[in-house]
C-alpha atoms as a PDB file:
ATOM      1  CA  UNK A   1     119.392 101.469  96.281  1.00  0.00           C
ATOM      2  CA  UNK A   2     115.885 100.150  96.212  1.00  0.00           C
ATOM      3  CA  UNK A   3     113.953  99.810  99.416  1.00  0.00           C
ATOM      4  CA  UNK A   4     112.800  96.089 100.140  1.00  0.00           C
ATOM      5  CA  UNK A   5     109.214  97.306 101.253  1.00  0.00           C
ATOM      6  CA  UNK A   6     106.925  98.436  98.477  1.00  0.00           C
ATOM      7  CA  UNK A   7     106.872 102.167  98.289  1.00  0.00           C
ATOM      8  CA  UNK A   8     103.243 103.955  98.735  1.00  0.00           C
ATOM      9  CA  UNK A   9     101.468 104.720  95.577  1.00  0.00           C
ATOM     10  CA  UNK A  10     101.201 108.645  95.406  1.00  0.00           C
ATOM     11  CA  UNK A  11      97.450 108.222  94.875  1.00  0.00           C
ATOM     12  CA  UNK A  12      97.280 106.574  98.347  1.00  0.00           C
ATOM     13  CA  UNK A  13      99.168 109.500  99.936  1.00  0.00           C
ATOM     14  CA  UNK A  14      96.963 111.902  98.256  1.00  0.00           C
ATOM     15  CA  UNK A  15      93.864 110.209  99.535  1.00  0.00           C
ATOM     16  CA  UNK A  16      95.149 109.620 103.202  1.00  0.00           C
ATOM     17  CA  UNK A  17      97.210 112.679 103.600  1.00  0.00           C
ATOM     18  CA  UNK A  18      95.433 115.413 101.765  1.00  0.00           C
ATOM     19  CA  UNK A  19      91.807 114.645 100.765  1.00  0.00           C
ATOM     20  CA  UNK A  20      90.672 112.827 103.818  1.00  0.00           C
ATOM     21  CA  UNK A  21      92.143 115.215 106.419  1.00  0.00           C
ATOM     22  CA  UNK A  22      90.704 118.268 104.519  1.00  0.00           C
ATOM     23  CA  UNK A  23      87.245 116.837 104.630  1.00  0.00           C
ATOM     24  CA  UNK A  24      86.722 116.753 101.047  1.00  0.00           C
ATOM     25  CA  UNK A  25      84.960 114.061  99.081  1.00  0.00           C
ATOM     26  CA  UNK A  26      86.576 112.585  95.932  1.00  0.00           C
ATOM     27  CA  UNK A  27      84.191 114.148  93.754  1.00  0.00           C
ATOM     28  CA  UNK A  28      85.132 117.728  95.311  1.00  0.00           C
ATOM     29  CA  UNK A  29      88.829 117.031  95.004  1.00  0.00           C
ATOM     30  CA  UNK A  30      88.481 115.870  91.422  1.00  0.00           C
ATOM     31  CA  UNK A  31      86.580 119.077  90.765  1.00  0.00           C
ATOM     32  CA  UNK A  32      89.260 121.182  92.557  1.00  0.00           C
ATOM     33  CA  UNK A  33      91.871 119.343  90.334  1.00  0.00           C
ATOM     34  CA  UNK A  34      89.933 120.005  87.213  1.00  0.00           C
ATOM     35  CA  UNK A  35      89.685 116.191  86.591  1.00  0.00           C
ATOM     36  CA  UNK A  36      86.918 113.613  86.225  1.00  0.00           C
ATOM     37  CA  UNK A  37      86.044 111.613  89.348  1.00  0.00           C
ATOM     38  CA  UNK A  38      87.062 108.503  87.453  1.00  0.00           C
ATOM     39  CA  UNK A  39      90.585 109.605  86.992  1.00  0.00           C
ATOM     40  CA  UNK A  40      91.047 110.407  90.456  1.00  0.00           C
ATOM     41  CA  UNK A  41      89.465 107.050  91.700  1.00  0.00           C
ATOM     42  CA  UNK A  42      91.676 105.353  89.285  1.00  0.00           C
ATOM     43  CA  UNK A  43      94.698 107.189  90.801  1.00  0.00           C
ATOM     44  CA  UNK A  44      93.850 106.933  94.477  1.00  0.00           C
ATOM     45  CA  UNK A  45      93.040 103.274  93.960  1.00  0.00           C
ATOM     46  CA  UNK A  46      96.464 102.732  92.380  1.00  0.00           C
ATOM     47  CA  UNK A  47      94.879 101.729  89.092  1.00  0.00           C
ATOM     48  CA  UNK A  48      96.887 104.313  87.134  1.00  0.00           C
ATOM     49  CA  UNK A  49     100.387 105.802  87.638  1.00  0.00           C
ATOM     50  CA  UNK A  50     100.851 109.418  88.390  1.00  0.00           C
ATOM     51  CA  UNK A  51     101.614 111.423  85.412  1.00  0.00           C
ATOM     52  CA  UNK A  52     103.666 114.656  85.137  1.00  0.00           C
ATOM     53  CA  UNK A  53     100.509 116.751  84.357  1.00  0.00           C
ATOM     54  CA  UNK A  54      98.782 115.255  87.455  1.00  0.00           C
ATOM     55  CA  UNK A  55     101.789 115.913  89.521  1.00  0.00           C
ATOM     56  CA  UNK A  56     101.556 119.654  88.436  1.00  0.00           C
ATOM     57  CA  UNK A  57      97.824 119.633  89.341  1.00  0.00           C
ATOM     58  CA  UNK A  58      98.234 118.113  92.741  1.00  0.00           C
ATOM     59  CA  UNK A  59     101.285 120.340  93.519  1.00  0.00           C
ATOM     60  CA  UNK A  60      99.319 123.547  92.580  1.00  0.00           C
ATOM     61  CA  UNK A  61      96.342 122.155  94.607  1.00  0.00           C
ATOM     62  CA  UNK A  62      98.317 121.442  97.756  1.00  0.00           C
ATOM     63  CA  UNK A  63     101.212 123.997  97.417  1.00  0.00           C
ATOM     64  CA  UNK A  64     103.807 121.245  97.096  1.00  0.00           C
ATOM     65  CA  UNK A  65     106.308 120.699  94.560  1.00  0.00           C
ATOM     66  CA  UNK A  66     105.282 118.515  91.563  1.00  0.00           C
ATOM     67  CA  UNK A  67     108.710 116.702  91.786  1.00  0.00           C
ATOM     68  CA  UNK A  68     107.842 115.404  95.289  1.00  0.00           C
ATOM     69  CA  UNK A  69     104.811 113.669  93.868  1.00  0.00           C
ATOM     70  CA  UNK A  70     106.685 112.475  90.782  1.00  0.00           C
ATOM     71  CA  UNK A  71     109.417 111.116  93.082  1.00  0.00           C
ATOM     72  CA  UNK A  72     106.927 109.009  94.635  1.00  0.00           C
ATOM     73  CA  UNK A  73     105.890 107.660  91.528  1.00  0.00           C
ATOM     74  CA  UNK A  74     109.304 106.934  90.275  1.00  0.00           C
ATOM     75  CA  UNK A  75     110.100 105.005  93.463  1.00  0.00           C
ATOM     76  CA  UNK A  76     107.270 102.726  93.145  1.00  0.00           C
ATOM     77  CA  UNK A  77     108.022 102.193  89.315  1.00  0.00           C
ATOM     78  CA  UNK A  78     111.699 101.416  90.142  1.00  0.00           C
ATOM     79  CA  UNK A  79     110.665  98.936  92.987  1.00  0.00           C
ATOM     80  CA  UNK A  80     108.471  97.270  90.645  1.00  0.00           C
ATOM     81  CA  UNK A  81     111.132  96.829  87.933  1.00  0.00           C
ATOM     82  CA  UNK A  82     113.551  95.511  90.419  1.00  0.00           C
ATOM     83  CA  UNK A  83     111.262  92.780  91.512  1.00  0.00           C
ATOM     84  CA  UNK A  84     111.558  91.415  87.888  1.00  0.00           C
ATOM     85  CA  UNK A  85     115.210  92.013  86.900  1.00  0.00           C
ATOM     86  CA  UNK A  86     116.072  90.389  83.799  1.00  0.00           C
ATOM     87  CA  UNK A  87     118.490  87.439  84.222  1.00  0.00           C
ATOM     88  CA  UNK A  88     120.323  87.838  80.856  1.00  0.00           C
ATOM     89  CA  UNK A  89     122.315  91.203  82.020  1.00  0.00           C
ATOM     90  CA  UNK A  90     126.221  91.054  81.738  1.00  0.00           C
ATOM     91  CA  UNK A  91     128.061  93.590  83.432  1.00  0.00           C
ATOM     92  CA  UNK A  92     130.201  95.654  81.081  1.00  0.00           C
ATOM     93  CA  UNK A  93     134.132  95.011  81.544  1.00  0.00           C
ATOM     94  CA  UNK A  94     135.935  97.251  83.911  1.00  0.00           C
ATOM     95  CA  UNK A  95     138.710  99.394  82.241  1.00  0.00           C
ATOM     96  CA  UNK A  96     140.868 102.453  83.288  1.00  0.00           C
ATOM     97  CA  UNK A  97     138.876 105.349  84.207  1.00  0.00           C
ATOM     98  CA  UNK A  98     137.577 107.478  81.328  1.00  0.00           C
ATOM     99  CA  UNK A  99     140.539 110.210  80.367  1.00  0.00           C
ATOM    100  CA  UNK A 100     143.280 107.803  81.499  1.00  0.00           C
ATOM    101  CA  UNK A 101     144.297 106.073  78.299  1.00  0.00           C
END
């Protein structure tokens, strides 16, 4: 089930829940993550999606699971896709359950 409210971008979560409370500047956080300031700015401003590689970096830096960061991105991506569902989809016919011939 997809939420009606747009999920928060993982970059915003990183900024508000990790970078700001830790007192780091974006430049310091980027250095600690081993990425450019531009790459981090694009992520925290929602201009780019979180990649699996970035999820690993953030997970290592925050002692959290990369999966938790990727799940945030997946929820956001799915929410966006559900806002533009194609109208030309036809449900598959329902037949007897698999294995019951």
